[in-house]
């Protein structure tokens, strides 16, 4: 089993980030052979960074988009 960190989730969700595509490809490749897991703490960290303003090192998503 592989635990996905909040940073992986952020890169997958932040479509303007140049690492988005390679990260999604890597996760889909891992899914072929391994079980993937996300812990509640990772979701909390994801929401905190995803909804924080880019001015303070966040992504700047609105809450609805980050929730999806």
PDB file of N, CA and C in Angstrom:
ATOM      1  N   UNK A   1       0.848  -1.178   0.000  1.00  0.00           N
ATOM      2  CA  UNK A   1       0.000   0.000   0.000  1.00  0.00           C
ATOM      3  C   UNK A   1       0.894   1.243   0.000  1.00  0.00           C
ATOM      4  N   UNK A   2       0.500   2.217  -0.785  1.00  0.00           N
ATOM      5  CA  UNK A   2       1.241   3.469  -0.878  1.00  0.00           C
ATOM      6  C   UNK A   2       0.358   4.598  -0.380  1.00  0.00           C
ATOM      7  N   UNK A   3       0.878   5.352   0.562  1.00  0.00           N
ATOM      8  CA  UNK A   3       0.166   6.498   1.113  1.00  0.00           C
ATOM      9  C   UNK A   3       0.480   7.732   0.274  1.00  0.00           C
ATOM     10  N   UNK A   4      -0.555   8.381  -0.244  1.00  0.00           N
ATOM     11  CA  UNK A   4      -0.359   9.595  -1.039  1.00  0.00           C
ATOM     12  C   UNK A   4      -0.317  10.804  -0.106  1.00  0.00           C
ATOM     13  N   UNK A   5       0.746  11.547  -0.176  1.00  0.00           N
ATOM     14  CA  UNK A   5       0.951  12.748   0.621  1.00  0.00           C
ATOM     15  C   UNK A   5       0.123  13.904   0.061  1.00  0.00           C
ATOM     16  N   UNK A   6      -0.126  14.897   0.893  1.00  0.00           N
ATOM     17  CA  UNK A   6      -0.873  16.083   0.460  1.00  0.00           C
ATOM     18  C   UNK A   6      -0.201  16.764  -0.728  1.00  0.00           C
ATOM     19  N   UNK A   7       1.115  16.741  -0.796  1.00  0.00           N
ATOM     20  CA  UNK A   7       1.824  17.371  -1.915  1.00  0.00           C
ATOM     21  C   UNK A   7       1.490  16.695  -3.244  1.00  0.00           C
ATOM     22  N   UNK A   8       1.305  15.398  -3.227  1.00  0.00           N
ATOM     23  CA  UNK A   8       0.914  14.680  -4.439  1.00  0.00           C
ATOM     24  C   UNK A   8      -0.487  15.115  -4.856  1.00  0.00           C
ATOM     25  N   UNK A   9      -1.400  15.170  -3.893  1.00  0.00           N
ATOM     26  CA  UNK A   9      -2.774  15.589  -4.191  1.00  0.00           C
ATOM     27  C   UNK A   9      -2.804  17.014  -4.733  1.00  0.00           C
ATOM     28  N   UNK A  10      -1.998  17.890  -4.153  1.00  0.00           N
ATOM     29  CA  UNK A  10      -1.945  19.281  -4.609  1.00  0.00           C
ATOM     30  C   UNK A  10      -1.430  19.374  -6.037  1.00  0.00           C
ATOM     31  N   UNK A  11      -0.400  18.628  -6.361  1.00  0.00           N
ATOM     32  CA  UNK A  11       0.150  18.677  -7.719  1.00  0.00           C
ATOM     33  C   UNK A  11      -0.856  18.133  -8.733  1.00  0.00           C
ATOM     34  N   UNK A  12      -1.622  17.126  -8.329  1.00  0.00           N
ATOM     35  CA  UNK A  12      -2.630  16.568  -9.226  1.00  0.00           C
ATOM     36  C   UNK A  12      -3.793  17.542  -9.450  1.00  0.00           C
ATOM     37  N   UNK A  13      -4.128  18.317  -8.453  1.00  0.00           N
ATOM     38  CA  UNK A  13      -5.275  19.218  -8.531  1.00  0.00           C
ATOM     39  C   UNK A  13      -4.940  20.574  -9.135  1.00  0.00           C
ATOM     40  N   UNK A  14      -3.672  20.961  -9.080  1.00  0.00           N
ATOM     41  CA  UNK A  14      -3.258  22.281  -9.557  1.00  0.00           C
ATOM     42  C   UNK A  14      -2.852  22.171 -11.024  1.00  0.00           C
ATOM     43  N   UNK A  15      -3.827  22.305 -11.911  1.00  0.00           N
ATOM     44  CA  UNK A  15      -3.631  22.066 -13.341  1.00  0.00           C
ATOM     45  C   UNK A  15      -2.609  22.996 -13.986  1.00  0.00           C
ATOM     46  N   UNK A  16      -2.374  24.174 -13.423  1.00  0.00           N
ATOM     47  CA  UNK A  16      -1.408  25.118 -13.999  1.00  0.00           C
ATOM     48  C   UNK A  16       0.034  24.797 -13.609  1.00  0.00           C
ATOM     49  N   UNK A  17       0.214  23.879 -12.682  1.00  0.00           N
ATOM     50  CA  UNK A  17       1.551  23.514 -12.234  1.00  0.00           C
ATOM     51  C   UNK A  17       2.188  22.579 -13.269  1.00  0.00           C
ATOM     52  N   UNK A  18       3.424  22.839 -13.669  1.00  0.00           N
ATOM     53  CA  UNK A  18       4.059  21.983 -14.684  1.00  0.00           C
ATOM     54  C   UNK A  18       4.270  20.540 -14.218  1.00  0.00           C
ATOM     55  N   UNK A  19       4.186  20.280 -12.917  1.00  0.00           N
ATOM     56  CA  UNK A  19       4.345  18.905 -12.435  1.00  0.00           C
ATOM     57  C   UNK A  19       3.026  18.142 -12.375  1.00  0.00           C
ATOM     58  N   UNK A  20       1.923  18.778 -12.749  1.00  0.00           N
ATOM     59  CA  UNK A  20       0.606  18.137 -12.687  1.00  0.00           C
ATOM     60  C   UNK A  20       0.550  16.881 -13.561  1.00  0.00           C
ATOM     61  N   UNK A  21       0.857  17.011 -14.819  1.00  0.00           N
ATOM     62  CA  UNK A  21       0.781  15.878 -15.749  1.00  0.00           C
ATOM     63  C   UNK A  21       1.651  14.697 -15.340  1.00  0.00           C
ATOM     64  N   UNK A  22       2.941  14.933 -15.068  1.00  0.00           N
ATOM     65  CA  UNK A  22       3.788  13.813 -14.655  1.00  0.00           C
ATOM     66  C   UNK A  22       3.327  13.170 -13.344  1.00  0.00           C
ATOM     67  N   UNK A  23       2.783  13.966 -12.434  1.00  0.00           N
ATOM     68  CA  UNK A  23       2.311  13.418 -11.161  1.00  0.00           C
ATOM     69  C   UNK A  23       1.098  12.519 -11.389  1.00  0.00           C
ATOM     70  N   UNK A  24       0.156  12.985 -12.201  1.00  0.00           N
ATOM     71  CA  UNK A  24      -1.020  12.163 -12.505  1.00  0.00           C
ATOM     72  C   UNK A  24      -0.593  10.869 -13.189  1.00  0.00           C
ATOM     73  N   UNK A  25       0.323  10.954 -14.126  1.00  0.00           N
ATOM     74  CA  UNK A  25       0.805   9.754 -14.827  1.00  0.00           C
ATOM     75  C   UNK A  25       1.448   8.767 -13.852  1.00  0.00           C
ATOM     76  N   UNK A  26       2.234   9.278 -12.923  1.00  0.00           N
ATOM     77  CA  UNK A  26       2.901   8.407 -11.944  1.00  0.00           C
ATOM     78  C   UNK A  26       1.888   7.724 -11.031  1.00  0.00           C
ATOM     79  N   UNK A  27       0.893   8.472 -10.581  1.00  0.00           N
ATOM     80  CA  UNK A  27      -0.124   7.892  -9.697  1.00  0.00           C
ATOM     81  C   UNK A  27      -0.929   6.821 -10.432  1.00  0.00           C
ATOM     82  N   UNK A  28      -1.298   7.077 -11.678  1.00  0.00           N
ATOM     83  CA  UNK A  28      -2.041   6.076 -12.440  1.00  0.00           C
ATOM     84  C   UNK A  28      -1.191   4.832 -12.693  1.00  0.00           C
ATOM     85  N   UNK A  29       0.101   5.020 -12.895  1.00  0.00           N
ATOM     86  CA  UNK A  29       0.999   3.868 -13.077  1.00  0.00           C
ATOM     87  C   UNK A  29       1.081   3.047 -11.784  1.00  0.00           C
ATOM     88  N   UNK A  30       1.183   3.739 -10.642  1.00  0.00           N
ATOM     89  CA  UNK A  30       1.228   3.039  -9.360  1.00  0.00           C
ATOM     90  C   UNK A  30      -0.059   2.260  -9.091  1.00  0.00           C
ATOM     91  N   UNK A  31      -1.183   2.825  -9.516  1.00  0.00           N
ATOM     92  CA  UNK A  31      -2.482   2.173  -9.291  1.00  0.00           C
ATOM     93  C   UNK A  31      -2.578   0.807  -9.942  1.00  0.00           C
ATOM     94  N   UNK A  32      -1.792   0.594 -10.970  1.00  0.00           N
ATOM     95  CA  UNK A  32      -1.835  -0.695 -11.664  1.00  0.00           C
ATOM     96  C   UNK A  32      -1.330  -1.841 -10.792  1.00  0.00           C
ATOM     97  N   UNK A  33      -0.379  -1.545  -9.911  1.00  0.00           N
ATOM     98  CA  UNK A  33       0.265  -2.618  -9.147  1.00  0.00           C
ATOM     99  C   UNK A  33       0.116  -2.485  -7.632  1.00  0.00           C
ATOM    100  N   UNK A  34      -0.252  -1.316  -7.140  1.00  0.00           N
ATOM    101  CA  UNK A  34      -0.310  -1.095  -5.700  1.00  0.00           C
ATOM    102  C   UNK A  34      -1.638  -0.470  -5.280  1.00  0.00           C
ATOM    103  N   UNK A  35      -2.021  -0.726  -4.039  1.00  0.00           N
ATOM    104  CA  UNK A  35      -3.177  -0.043  -3.455  1.00  0.00           C
ATOM    105  C   UNK A  35      -2.718   1.335  -2.992  1.00  0.00           C
ATOM    106  N   UNK A  36      -3.518   2.349  -3.243  1.00  0.00           N
ATOM    107  CA  UNK A  36      -3.190   3.711  -2.839  1.00  0.00           C
ATOM    108  C   UNK A  36      -4.127   4.122  -1.714  1.00  0.00           C
ATOM    109  N   UNK A  37      -3.610   4.928  -0.789  1.00  0.00           N
ATOM    110  CA  UNK A  37      -4.422   5.369   0.343  1.00  0.00           C
ATOM    111  C   UNK A  37      -4.179   6.850   0.619  1.00  0.00           C
ATOM    112  N   UNK A  38      -5.201   7.482   1.171  1.00  0.00           N
ATOM    113  CA  UNK A  38      -5.115   8.878   1.597  1.00  0.00           C
ATOM    114  C   UNK A  38      -5.602   8.929   3.036  1.00  0.00           C
ATOM    115  N   UNK A  39      -4.825   9.513   3.913  1.00  0.00           N
ATOM    116  CA  UNK A  39      -5.202   9.628   5.323  1.00  0.00           C
ATOM    117  C   UNK A  39      -5.921  10.961   5.556  1.00  0.00           C
ATOM    118  N   UNK A  40      -6.774  11.024   6.579  1.00  0.00           N
ATOM    119  CA  UNK A  40      -7.487  12.267   6.871  1.00  0.00           C
ATOM    120  C   UNK A  40      -6.556  13.475   7.049  1.00  0.00           C
ATOM    121  N   UNK A  41      -5.396  13.283   7.647  1.00  0.00           N
ATOM    122  CA  UNK A  41      -4.453  14.390   7.832  1.00  0.00           C
ATOM    123  C   UNK A  41      -4.010  14.961   6.486  1.00  0.00           C
ATOM    124  N   UNK A  42      -3.836  14.107   5.487  1.00  0.00           N
ATOM    125  CA  UNK A  42      -3.448  14.571   4.159  1.00  0.00           C
ATOM    126  C   UNK A  42      -4.548  15.423   3.531  1.00  0.00           C
ATOM    127  N   UNK A  43      -5.796  15.045   3.758  1.00  0.00           N
ATOM    128  CA  UNK A  43      -6.914  15.833   3.232  1.00  0.00           C
ATOM    129  C   UNK A  43      -6.983  17.197   3.910  1.00  0.00           C
ATOM    130  N   UNK A  44      -6.731  17.219   5.206  1.00  0.00           N
ATOM    131  CA  UNK A  44      -6.719  18.486   5.936  1.00  0.00           C
ATOM    132  C   UNK A  44      -5.616  19.400   5.400  1.00  0.00           C
ATOM    133  N   UNK A  45      -4.417  18.853   5.222  1.00  0.00           N
ATOM    134  CA  UNK A  45      -3.295  19.636   4.692  1.00  0.00           C
ATOM    135  C   UNK A  45      -3.587  20.108   3.265  1.00  0.00           C
ATOM    136  N   UNK A  46      -4.185  19.236   2.451  1.00  0.00           N
ATOM    137  CA  UNK A  46      -4.547  19.611   1.090  1.00  0.00           C
ATOM    138  C   UNK A  46      -5.480  20.812   1.097  1.00  0.00           C
ATOM    139  N   UNK A  47      -6.546  20.746   1.883  1.00  0.00           N
ATOM    140  CA  UNK A  47      -7.526  21.846   1.929  1.00  0.00           C
ATOM    141  C   UNK A  47      -6.881  23.139   2.414  1.00  0.00           C
ATOM    142  N   UNK A  48      -5.997  23.046   3.394  1.00  0.00           N
ATOM    143  CA  UNK A  48      -5.343  24.238   3.936  1.00  0.00           C
ATOM    144  C   UNK A  48      -4.505  24.939   2.869  1.00  0.00           C
ATOM    145  N   UNK A  49      -3.744  24.177   2.111  1.00  0.00           N
ATOM    146  CA  UNK A  49      -2.865  24.773   1.100  1.00  0.00           C
ATOM    147  C   UNK A  49      -3.652  25.139  -0.163  1.00  0.00           C
ATOM    148  N   UNK A  50      -4.572  24.280  -0.569  1.00  0.00           N
ATOM    149  CA  UNK A  50      -5.325  24.526  -1.802  1.00  0.00           C
ATOM    150  C   UNK A  50      -6.152  25.803  -1.724  1.00  0.00           C
ATOM    151  N   UNK A  51      -6.696  26.109  -0.560  1.00  0.00           N
ATOM    152  CA  UNK A  51      -7.571  27.276  -0.428  1.00  0.00           C
ATOM    153  C   UNK A  51      -6.835  28.520   0.063  1.00  0.00           C
ATOM    154  N   UNK A  52      -5.572  28.383   0.367  1.00  0.00           N
ATOM    155  CA  UNK A  52      -4.780  29.544   0.804  1.00  0.00           C
ATOM    156  C   UNK A  52      -4.358  30.353  -0.419  1.00  0.00           C
ATOM    157  N   UNK A  53      -4.226  31.645  -0.242  1.00  0.00           N
ATOM    158  CA  UNK A  53      -3.845  32.543  -1.332  1.00  0.00           C
ATOM    159  C   UNK A  53      -2.429  32.231  -1.838  1.00  0.00           C
ATOM    160  N   UNK A  54      -2.202  32.368  -3.144  1.00  0.00           N
ATOM    161  CA  UNK A  54      -0.851  32.186  -3.684  1.00  0.00           C
ATOM    162  C   UNK A  54       0.159  33.179  -3.092  1.00  0.00           C
ATOM    163  N   UNK A  55      -0.325  34.315  -2.620  1.00  0.00           N
ATOM    164  CA  UNK A  55       0.566  35.316  -2.010  1.00  0.00           C
ATOM    165  C   UNK A  55       1.279  34.734  -0.792  1.00  0.00           C
ATOM    166  N   UNK A  56       0.612  33.799  -0.099  1.00  0.00           N
ATOM    167  CA  UNK A  56       1.205  33.177   1.085  1.00  0.00           C
ATOM    168  C   UNK A  56       1.458  31.684   0.846  1.00  0.00           C
ATOM    169  N   UNK A  57       1.949  31.380  -0.374  1.00  0.00           N
ATOM    170  CA  UNK A  57       2.392  30.039  -0.749  1.00  0.00           C
ATOM    171  C   UNK A  57       1.259  29.009  -0.795  1.00  0.00           C
ATOM    172  N   UNK A  58       0.088  29.445  -1.234  1.00  0.00           N
ATOM    173  CA  UNK A  58      -1.028  28.531  -1.428  1.00  0.00           C
ATOM    174  C   UNK A  58      -1.342  28.386  -2.901  1.00  0.00           C
ATOM    175  N   UNK A  59      -2.449  27.726  -3.204  1.00  0.00           N
ATOM    176  CA  UNK A  59      -2.857  27.508  -4.585  1.00  0.00           C
ATOM    177  C   UNK A  59      -3.946  28.496  -4.999  1.00  0.00           C
ATOM    178  N   UNK A  60      -4.788  28.923  -4.065  1.00  0.00           N
ATOM    179  CA  UNK A  60      -5.816  29.899  -4.356  1.00  0.00           C
ATOM    180  C   UNK A  60      -7.109  29.344  -4.924  1.00  0.00           C
ATOM    181  N   UNK A  61      -7.380  28.058  -4.706  1.00  0.00           N
ATOM    182  CA  UNK A  61      -8.635  27.473  -5.171  1.00  0.00           C
ATOM    183  C   UNK A  61      -9.784  27.951  -4.282  1.00  0.00           C
ATOM    184  N   UNK A  62     -10.982  28.015  -4.876  1.00  0.00           N
ATOM    185  CA  UNK A  62     -12.130  28.276  -4.021  1.00  0.00           C
ATOM    186  C   UNK A  62     -12.485  26.962  -3.304  1.00  0.00           C
ATOM    187  N   UNK A  63     -13.239  27.065  -2.243  1.00  0.00           N
ATOM    188  CA  UNK A  63     -13.523  25.902  -1.392  1.00  0.00           C
ATOM    189  C   UNK A  63     -14.267  24.814  -2.154  1.00  0.00           C
ATOM    190  N   UNK A  64     -15.217  25.180  -3.005  1.00  0.00           N
ATOM    191  CA  UNK A  64     -15.972  24.179  -3.762  1.00  0.00           C
ATOM    192  C   UNK A  64     -15.066  23.351  -4.673  1.00  0.00           C
ATOM    193  N   UNK A  65     -14.158  24.021  -5.369  1.00  0.00           N
ATOM    194  CA  UNK A  65     -13.249  23.278  -6.269  1.00  0.00           C
ATOM    195  C   UNK A  65     -12.322  22.375  -5.481  1.00  0.00           C
ATOM    196  N   UNK A  66     -11.763  22.890  -4.384  1.00  0.00           N
ATOM    197  CA  UNK A  66     -10.861  22.082  -3.561  1.00  0.00           C
ATOM    198  C   UNK A  66     -11.598  20.886  -2.970  1.00  0.00           C
ATOM    199  N   UNK A  67     -12.853  21.062  -2.632  1.00  0.00           N
ATOM    200  CA  UNK A  67     -13.649  19.989  -2.046  1.00  0.00           C
ATOM    201  C   UNK A  67     -13.894  18.858  -3.051  1.00  0.00           C
ATOM    202  N   UNK A  68     -14.029  19.205  -4.321  1.00  0.00           N
ATOM    203  CA  UNK A  68     -14.250  18.185  -5.357  1.00  0.00           C
ATOM    204  C   UNK A  68     -12.988  17.397  -5.599  1.00  0.00           C
TER     205      UNK A  68
END
